[in-house]
Amino acid sequence: MILLLIAVATFAFGLFLMTKPLEAFEWQRRFYALINWRIEPISVEKEIRHTKLMGAFLILLTIVLCTYQWFILKP
């Protein structure tokens, strides 16, 4: 059951990163400001592209791992 919750959360986070990359970066920027760090992307276009790619990677990884868990290992 816990693996299913982790898979759903990871999939949802990946979807968030793919659909709202600027909002995700803003959350990251605010977090770093709280711990007294300032981050600024050199290229906003690259930041958006890499954030979307990271989201796609999380979604793909979640699908592959769930497939492996539920069809190969057969708990």
PDB file of N, CA and C in Angstrom:
ATOM      1  N   MET A   1       0.822  -1.200   0.000  1.00  0.00           N
ATOM      2  CA  MET A   1       0.000   0.000   0.000  1.00  0.00           C
ATOM      3  C   MET A   1       0.860   1.255   0.000  1.00  0.00           C
ATOM      4  N   ILE A   2       1.924   1.243   0.792  1.00  0.00           N
ATOM      5  CA  ILE A   2       2.795   2.418   0.867  1.00  0.00           C
ATOM      6  C   ILE A   2       3.488   2.667  -0.471  1.00  0.00           C
ATOM      7  N   LEU A   3       3.827   1.580  -1.190  1.00  0.00           N
ATOM      8  CA  LEU A   3       4.449   1.748  -2.503  1.00  0.00           C
ATOM      9  C   LEU A   3       3.490   2.410  -3.488  1.00  0.00           C
ATOM     10  N   LEU A   4       2.225   2.086  -3.382  1.00  0.00           N
ATOM     11  CA  LEU A   4       1.233   2.706  -4.254  1.00  0.00           C
ATOM     12  C   LEU A   4       1.123   4.199  -3.969  1.00  0.00           C
ATOM     13  N   LEU A   5       1.130   4.575  -2.698  1.00  0.00           N
ATOM     14  CA  LEU A   5       1.066   5.989  -2.339  1.00  0.00           C
ATOM     15  C   LEU A   5       2.298   6.745  -2.838  1.00  0.00           C
ATOM     16  N   ILE A   6       3.472   6.144  -2.711  1.00  0.00           N
ATOM     17  CA  ILE A   6       4.702   6.765  -3.204  1.00  0.00           C
ATOM     18  C   ILE A   6       4.649   6.913  -4.721  1.00  0.00           C
ATOM     19  N   ALA A   7       4.152   5.884  -5.396  1.00  0.00           N
ATOM     20  CA  ALA A   7       4.052   5.936  -6.856  1.00  0.00           C
ATOM     21  C   ALA A   7       3.094   7.033  -7.302  1.00  0.00           C
ATOM     22  N   VAL A   8       1.959   7.152  -6.655  1.00  0.00           N
ATOM     23  CA  VAL A   8       0.986   8.187  -7.015  1.00  0.00           C
ATOM     24  C   VAL A   8       1.571   9.575  -6.752  1.00  0.00           C
ATOM     25  N   ALA A   9       2.237   9.748  -5.614  1.00  0.00           N
ATOM     26  CA  ALA A   9       2.835  11.048  -5.290  1.00  0.00           C
ATOM     27  C   ALA A   9       3.938  11.409  -6.284  1.00  0.00           C
ATOM     28  N   THR A  10       4.770  10.448  -6.641  1.00  0.00           N
ATOM     29  CA  THR A  10       5.842  10.702  -7.597  1.00  0.00           C
ATOM     30  C   THR A  10       5.281  11.039  -8.970  1.00  0.00           C
ATOM     31  N   PHE A  11       4.270  10.306  -9.399  1.00  0.00           N
ATOM     32  CA  PHE A  11       3.629  10.582 -10.683  1.00  0.00           C
ATOM     33  C   PHE A  11       3.019  11.983 -10.680  1.00  0.00           C
ATOM     34  N   ALA A  12       2.336  12.340  -9.603  1.00  0.00           N
ATOM     35  CA  ALA A  12       1.711  13.655  -9.501  1.00  0.00           C
ATOM     36  C   ALA A  12       2.765  14.767  -9.499  1.00  0.00           C
ATOM     37  N   PHE A  13       3.869  14.544  -8.808  1.00  0.00           N
ATOM     38  CA  PHE A  13       4.939  15.539  -8.781  1.00  0.00           C
ATOM     39  C   PHE A  13       5.559  15.706 -10.168  1.00  0.00           C
ATOM     40  N   GLY A  14       5.763  14.604 -10.865  1.00  0.00           N
ATOM     41  CA  GLY A  14       6.287  14.666 -12.225  1.00  0.00           C
ATOM     42  C   GLY A  14       5.338  15.415 -13.149  1.00  0.00           C
ATOM     43  N   LEU A  15       4.047  15.176 -13.000  1.00  0.00           N
ATOM     44  CA  LEU A  15       3.047  15.876 -13.798  1.00  0.00           C
ATOM     45  C   LEU A  15       3.058  17.371 -13.489  1.00  0.00           C
ATOM     46  N   PHE A  16       3.215  17.712 -12.218  1.00  0.00           N
ATOM     47  CA  PHE A  16       3.313  19.113 -11.812  1.00  0.00           C
ATOM     48  C   PHE A  16       4.530  19.773 -12.452  1.00  0.00           C
ATOM     49  N   LEU A  17       5.677  19.089 -12.415  1.00  0.00           N
ATOM     50  CA  LEU A  17       6.886  19.654 -13.011  1.00  0.00           C
ATOM     51  C   LEU A  17       6.742  19.858 -14.517  1.00  0.00           C
ATOM     52  N   MET A  18       6.043  18.950 -15.176  1.00  0.00           N
ATOM     53  CA  MET A  18       5.862  19.076 -16.627  1.00  0.00           C
ATOM     54  C   MET A  18       4.880  20.179 -16.996  1.00  0.00           C
ATOM     55  N   THR A  19       3.840  20.353 -16.215  1.00  0.00           N
ATOM     56  CA  THR A  19       2.800  21.307 -16.588  1.00  0.00           C
ATOM     57  C   THR A  19       3.025  22.711 -16.042  1.00  0.00           C
ATOM     58  N   LYS A  20       3.749  22.838 -14.933  1.00  0.00           N
ATOM     59  CA  LYS A  20       3.960  24.157 -14.320  1.00  0.00           C
ATOM     60  C   LYS A  20       5.431  24.334 -13.921  1.00  0.00           C
ATOM     61  N   PRO A  21       6.341  24.353 -14.892  1.00  0.00           N
ATOM     62  CA  PRO A  21       7.761  24.434 -14.551  1.00  0.00           C
ATOM     63  C   PRO A  21       8.164  25.750 -13.882  1.00  0.00           C
ATOM     64  N   LEU A  22       7.552  26.866 -14.279  1.00  0.00           N
ATOM     65  CA  LEU A  22       7.906  28.142 -13.647  1.00  0.00           C
ATOM     66  C   LEU A  22       7.442  28.202 -12.193  1.00  0.00           C
ATOM     67  N   GLU A  23       6.273  27.633 -11.930  1.00  0.00           N
ATOM     68  CA  GLU A  23       5.782  27.599 -10.550  1.00  0.00           C
ATOM     69  C   GLU A  23       6.676  26.707  -9.679  1.00  0.00           C
ATOM     70  N   ALA A  24       7.129  25.597 -10.236  1.00  0.00           N
ATOM     71  CA  ALA A  24       8.042  24.714  -9.501  1.00  0.00           C
ATOM     72  C   ALA A  24       9.351  25.434  -9.191  1.00  0.00           C
ATOM     73  N   PHE A  25       9.869  26.178 -10.166  1.00  0.00           N
ATOM     74  CA  PHE A  25      11.101  26.923  -9.917  1.00  0.00           C
ATOM     75  C   PHE A  25      10.886  28.004  -8.872  1.00  0.00           C
ATOM     76  N   GLU A  26       9.721  28.649  -8.880  1.00  0.00           N
ATOM     77  CA  GLU A  26       9.424  29.681  -7.882  1.00  0.00           C
ATOM     78  C   GLU A  26       9.378  29.080  -6.478  1.00  0.00           C
ATOM     79  N   TRP A  27       8.809  27.891  -6.334  1.00  0.00           N
ATOM     80  CA  TRP A  27       8.810  27.204  -5.028  1.00  0.00           C
ATOM     81  C   TRP A  27      10.244  26.944  -4.574  1.00  0.00           C
ATOM     82  N   GLN A  28      11.060  26.474  -5.510  1.00  0.00           N
ATOM     83  CA  GLN A  28      12.464  26.199  -5.190  1.00  0.00           C
ATOM     84  C   GLN A  28      13.181  27.486  -4.790  1.00  0.00           C
ATOM     85  N   ARG A  29      12.936  28.570  -5.508  1.00  0.00           N
ATOM     86  CA  ARG A  29      13.574  29.846  -5.210  1.00  0.00           C
ATOM     87  C   ARG A  29      13.173  30.350  -3.823  1.00  0.00           C
ATOM     88  N   ARG A  30      11.874  30.227  -3.472  1.00  0.00           N
ATOM     89  CA  ARG A  30      11.410  30.651  -2.148  1.00  0.00           C
ATOM     90  C   ARG A  30      12.017  29.801  -1.035  1.00  0.00           C
ATOM     91  N   PHE A  31      12.142  28.492  -1.275  1.00  0.00           N
ATOM     92  CA  PHE A  31      12.754  27.622  -0.268  1.00  0.00           C
ATOM     93  C   PHE A  31      14.196  28.039  -0.011  1.00  0.00           C
ATOM     94  N   TYR A  32      14.952  28.250  -1.081  1.00  0.00           N
ATOM     95  CA  TYR A  32      16.343  28.643  -0.915  1.00  0.00           C
ATOM     96  C   TYR A  32      16.466  30.013  -0.269  1.00  0.00           C
ATOM     97  N   ALA A  33      15.535  30.917  -0.508  1.00  0.00           N
ATOM     98  CA  ALA A  33      15.553  32.223   0.149  1.00  0.00           C
ATOM     99  C   ALA A  33      15.376  32.068   1.661  1.00  0.00           C
ATOM    100  N   LEU A  34      14.579  31.090   2.071  1.00  0.00           N
ATOM    101  CA  LEU A  34      14.390  30.851   3.509  1.00  0.00           C
ATOM    102  C   LEU A  34      15.685  30.433   4.204  1.00  0.00           C
ATOM    103  N   ILE A  35      16.540  29.735   3.484  1.00  0.00           N
ATOM    104  CA  ILE A  35      17.801  29.288   4.092  1.00  0.00           C
ATOM    105  C   ILE A  35      18.968  30.184   3.655  1.00  0.00           C
ATOM    106  N   ASN A  36      18.609  31.420   3.231  1.00  0.00           N
ATOM    107  CA  ASN A  36      19.581  32.457   2.942  1.00  0.00           C
ATOM    108  C   ASN A  36      20.440  32.174   1.721  1.00  0.00           C
ATOM    109  N   TRP A  37      19.850  31.597   0.708  1.00  0.00           N
ATOM    110  CA  TRP A  37      20.535  31.385  -0.569  1.00  0.00           C
ATOM    111  C   TRP A  37      19.702  32.054  -1.652  1.00  0.00           C
ATOM    112  N   ARG A  38      20.365  32.581  -2.638  1.00  0.00           N
ATOM    113  CA  ARG A  38      19.679  33.171  -3.780  1.00  0.00           C
ATOM    114  C   ARG A  38      20.043  32.365  -5.017  1.00  0.00           C
ATOM    115  N   ILE A  39      19.028  31.944  -5.749  1.00  0.00           N
ATOM    116  CA  ILE A  39      19.290  31.220  -6.988  1.00  0.00           C
ATOM    117  C   ILE A  39      18.608  31.959  -8.132  1.00  0.00           C
ATOM    118  N   GLU A  40      19.305  32.058  -9.231  1.00  0.00           N
ATOM    119  CA  GLU A  40      18.763  32.663 -10.437  1.00  0.00           C
ATOM    120  C   GLU A  40      19.252  31.856 -11.624  1.00  0.00           C
ATOM    121  N   PRO A  41      18.356  31.480 -12.507  1.00  0.00           N
ATOM    122  CA  PRO A  41      18.805  30.725 -13.677  1.00  0.00           C
ATOM    123  C   PRO A  41      19.554  31.633 -14.649  1.00  0.00           C
ATOM    124  N   ILE A  42      20.568  31.100 -15.273  1.00  0.00           N
ATOM    125  CA  ILE A  42      21.288  31.844 -16.303  1.00  0.00           C
ATOM    126  C   ILE A  42      20.393  31.977 -17.526  1.00  0.00           C
ATOM    127  N   SER A  43      19.679  30.901 -17.857  1.00  0.00           N
ATOM    128  CA  SER A  43      18.763  30.897 -18.989  1.00  0.00           C
ATOM    129  C   SER A  43      17.414  30.347 -18.527  1.00  0.00           C
ATOM    130  N   VAL A  44      16.396  31.186 -18.568  1.00  0.00           N
ATOM    131  CA  VAL A  44      15.059  30.759 -18.148  1.00  0.00           C
ATOM    132  C   VAL A  44      14.524  29.681 -19.086  1.00  0.00           C
ATOM    133  N   GLU A  45      14.823  29.796 -20.376  1.00  0.00           N
ATOM    134  CA  GLU A  45      14.356  28.800 -21.343  1.00  0.00           C
ATOM    135  C   GLU A  45      14.925  27.416 -21.025  1.00  0.00           C
ATOM    136  N   LYS A  46      16.218  27.373 -20.695  1.00  0.00           N
ATOM    137  CA  LYS A  46      16.838  26.090 -20.337  1.00  0.00           C
ATOM    138  C   LYS A  46      16.257  25.559 -19.034  1.00  0.00           C
ATOM    139  N   GLU A  47      15.998  26.441 -18.083  1.00  0.00           N
ATOM    140  CA  GLU A  47      15.428  26.029 -16.799  1.00  0.00           C
ATOM    141  C   GLU A  47      14.061  25.390 -17.009  1.00  0.00           C
ATOM    142  N   ILE A  48      13.234  26.006 -17.849  1.00  0.00           N
ATOM    143  CA  ILE A  48      11.911  25.454 -18.132  1.00  0.00           C
ATOM    144  C   ILE A  48      12.039  24.101 -18.827  1.00  0.00           C
ATOM    145  N   ARG A  49      12.901  24.018 -19.831  1.00  0.00           N
ATOM    146  CA  ARG A  49      13.083  22.757 -20.574  1.00  0.00           C
ATOM    147  C   ARG A  49      13.575  21.649 -19.653  1.00  0.00           C
ATOM    148  N   HIS A  50      14.557  21.949 -18.804  1.00  0.00           N
ATOM    149  CA  HIS A  50      15.100  20.920 -17.913  1.00  0.00           C
ATOM    150  C   HIS A  50      14.091  20.500 -16.844  1.00  0.00           C
ATOM    151  N   THR A  51      13.285  21.440 -16.382  1.00  0.00           N
ATOM    152  CA  THR A  51      12.257  21.100 -15.398  1.00  0.00           C
ATOM    153  C   THR A  51      11.206  20.189 -16.019  1.00  0.00           C
ATOM    154  N   LYS A  52      10.802  20.484 -17.262  1.00  0.00           N
ATOM    155  CA  LYS A  52       9.844  19.616 -17.955  1.00  0.00           C
ATOM    156  C   LYS A  52      10.433  18.231 -18.193  1.00  0.00           C
ATOM    157  N   LEU A  53      11.720  18.172 -18.567  1.00  0.00           N
ATOM    158  CA  LEU A  53      12.374  16.879 -18.763  1.00  0.00           C
ATOM    159  C   LEU A  53      12.449  16.084 -17.466  1.00  0.00           C
ATOM    160  N   MET A  54      12.722  16.768 -16.356  1.00  0.00           N
ATOM    161  CA  MET A  54      12.767  16.084 -15.067  1.00  0.00           C
ATOM    162  C   MET A  54      11.391  15.519 -14.717  1.00  0.00           C
ATOM    163  N   GLY A  55      10.331  16.269 -15.004  1.00  0.00           N
ATOM    164  CA  GLY A  55       8.980  15.778 -14.769  1.00  0.00           C
ATOM    165  C   GLY A  55       8.670  14.559 -15.622  1.00  0.00           C
ATOM    166  N   ALA A  56       9.054  14.618 -16.902  1.00  0.00           N
ATOM    167  CA  ALA A  56       8.828  13.474 -17.795  1.00  0.00           C
ATOM    168  C   ALA A  56       9.614  12.257 -17.317  1.00  0.00           C
ATOM    169  N   PHE A  57      10.841  12.480 -16.853  1.00  0.00           N
ATOM    170  CA  PHE A  57      11.653  11.385 -16.339  1.00  0.00           C
ATOM    171  C   PHE A  57      11.001  10.749 -15.108  1.00  0.00           C
ATOM    172  N   LEU A  58      10.479  11.570 -14.204  1.00  0.00           N
ATOM    173  CA  LEU A  58       9.808  11.024 -13.009  1.00  0.00           C
ATOM    174  C   LEU A  58       8.582  10.200 -13.387  1.00  0.00           C
ATOM    175  N   ILE A  59       7.807  10.676 -14.346  1.00  0.00           N
ATOM    176  CA  ILE A  59       6.632   9.931 -14.786  1.00  0.00           C
ATOM    177  C   ILE A  59       7.050   8.610 -15.410  1.00  0.00           C
ATOM    178  N   LEU A  60       8.023   8.652 -16.305  1.00  0.00           N
ATOM    179  CA  LEU A  60       8.506   7.430 -16.953  1.00  0.00           C
ATOM    180  C   LEU A  60       9.082   6.454 -15.934  1.00  0.00           C
ATOM    181  N   LEU A  61       9.882   6.949 -15.014  1.00  0.00           N
ATOM    182  CA  LEU A  61      10.472   6.092 -13.981  1.00  0.00           C
ATOM    183  C   LEU A  61       9.387   5.456 -13.111  1.00  0.00           C
ATOM    184  N   THR A  62       8.368   6.215 -12.770  1.00  0.00           N
ATOM    185  CA  THR A  62       7.268   5.674 -11.970  1.00  0.00           C
ATOM    186  C   THR A  62       6.548   4.558 -12.717  1.00  0.00           C
ATOM    187  N   ILE A  63       6.282   4.772 -13.992  1.00  0.00           N
ATOM    188  CA  ILE A  63       5.596   3.749 -14.787  1.00  0.00           C
ATOM    189  C   ILE A  63       6.444   2.488 -14.902  1.00  0.00           C
ATOM    190  N   VAL A  64       7.737   2.652 -15.176  1.00  0.00           N
ATOM    191  CA  VAL A  64       8.630   1.493 -15.315  1.00  0.00           C
ATOM    192  C   VAL A  64       8.729   0.730 -13.996  1.00  0.00           C
ATOM    193  N   LEU A  65       8.924   1.434 -12.900  1.00  0.00           N
ATOM    194  CA  LEU A  65       9.066   0.759 -11.603  1.00  0.00           C
ATOM    195  C   LEU A  65       7.766   0.090 -11.159  1.00  0.00           C
ATOM    196  N   CYS A  66       6.625   0.721 -11.415  1.00  0.00           N
ATOM    197  CA  CYS A  66       5.346   0.095 -11.065  1.00  0.00           C
ATOM    198  C   CYS A  66       5.104  -1.153 -11.907  1.00  0.00           C
ATOM    199  N   THR A  67       5.432  -1.057 -13.184  1.00  0.00           N
ATOM    200  CA  THR A  67       5.298  -2.223 -14.052  1.00  0.00           C
ATOM    201  C   THR A  67       6.171  -3.363 -13.552  1.00  0.00           C
ATOM    202  N   TYR A  68       7.396  -3.049 -13.209  1.00  0.00           N
ATOM    203  CA  TYR A  68       8.311  -4.067 -12.693  1.00  0.00           C
ATOM    204  C   TYR A  68       7.785  -4.664 -11.390  1.00  0.00           C
ATOM    205  N   GLN A  69       7.343  -3.807 -10.496  1.00  0.00           N
ATOM    206  CA  GLN A  69       6.865  -4.267  -9.190  1.00  0.00           C
ATOM    207  C   GLN A  69       5.639  -5.163  -9.313  1.00  0.00           C
ATOM    208  N   TRP A  70       4.656  -4.723 -10.101  1.00  0.00           N
ATOM    209  CA  TRP A  70       3.382  -5.434 -10.123  1.00  0.00           C
ATOM    210  C   TRP A  70       3.301  -6.575 -11.116  1.00  0.00           C
ATOM    211  N   PHE A  71       4.143  -6.569 -12.142  1.00  0.00           N
ATOM    212  CA  PHE A  71       4.036  -7.634 -13.140  1.00  0.00           C
ATOM    213  C   PHE A  71       5.223  -8.589 -13.146  1.00  0.00           C
ATOM    214  N   ILE A  72       6.381  -8.138 -12.744  1.00  0.00           N
ATOM    215  CA  ILE A  72       7.566  -8.988 -12.724  1.00  0.00           C
ATOM    216  C   ILE A  72       7.743  -9.631 -11.357  1.00  0.00           C
ATOM    217  N   LEU A  73       7.694  -8.831 -10.301  1.00  0.00           N
ATOM    218  CA  LEU A  73       7.898  -9.369  -8.948  1.00  0.00           C
ATOM    219  C   LEU A  73       6.656 -10.058  -8.426  1.00  0.00           C
ATOM    220  N   LYS A  74       5.490  -9.605  -8.817  1.00  0.00           N
ATOM    221  CA  LYS A  74       4.201 -10.184  -8.399  1.00  0.00           C
ATOM    222  C   LYS A  74       4.146 -10.387  -6.876  1.00  0.00           C
ATOM    223  N   PRO A  75       3.939  -9.294  -6.139  1.00  0.00           N
ATOM    224  CA  PRO A  75       3.962  -9.407  -4.658  1.00  0.00           C
ATOM    225  C   PRO A  75       2.892 -10.292  -4.089  1.00  0.00           C
TER     226      PRO A  75
END
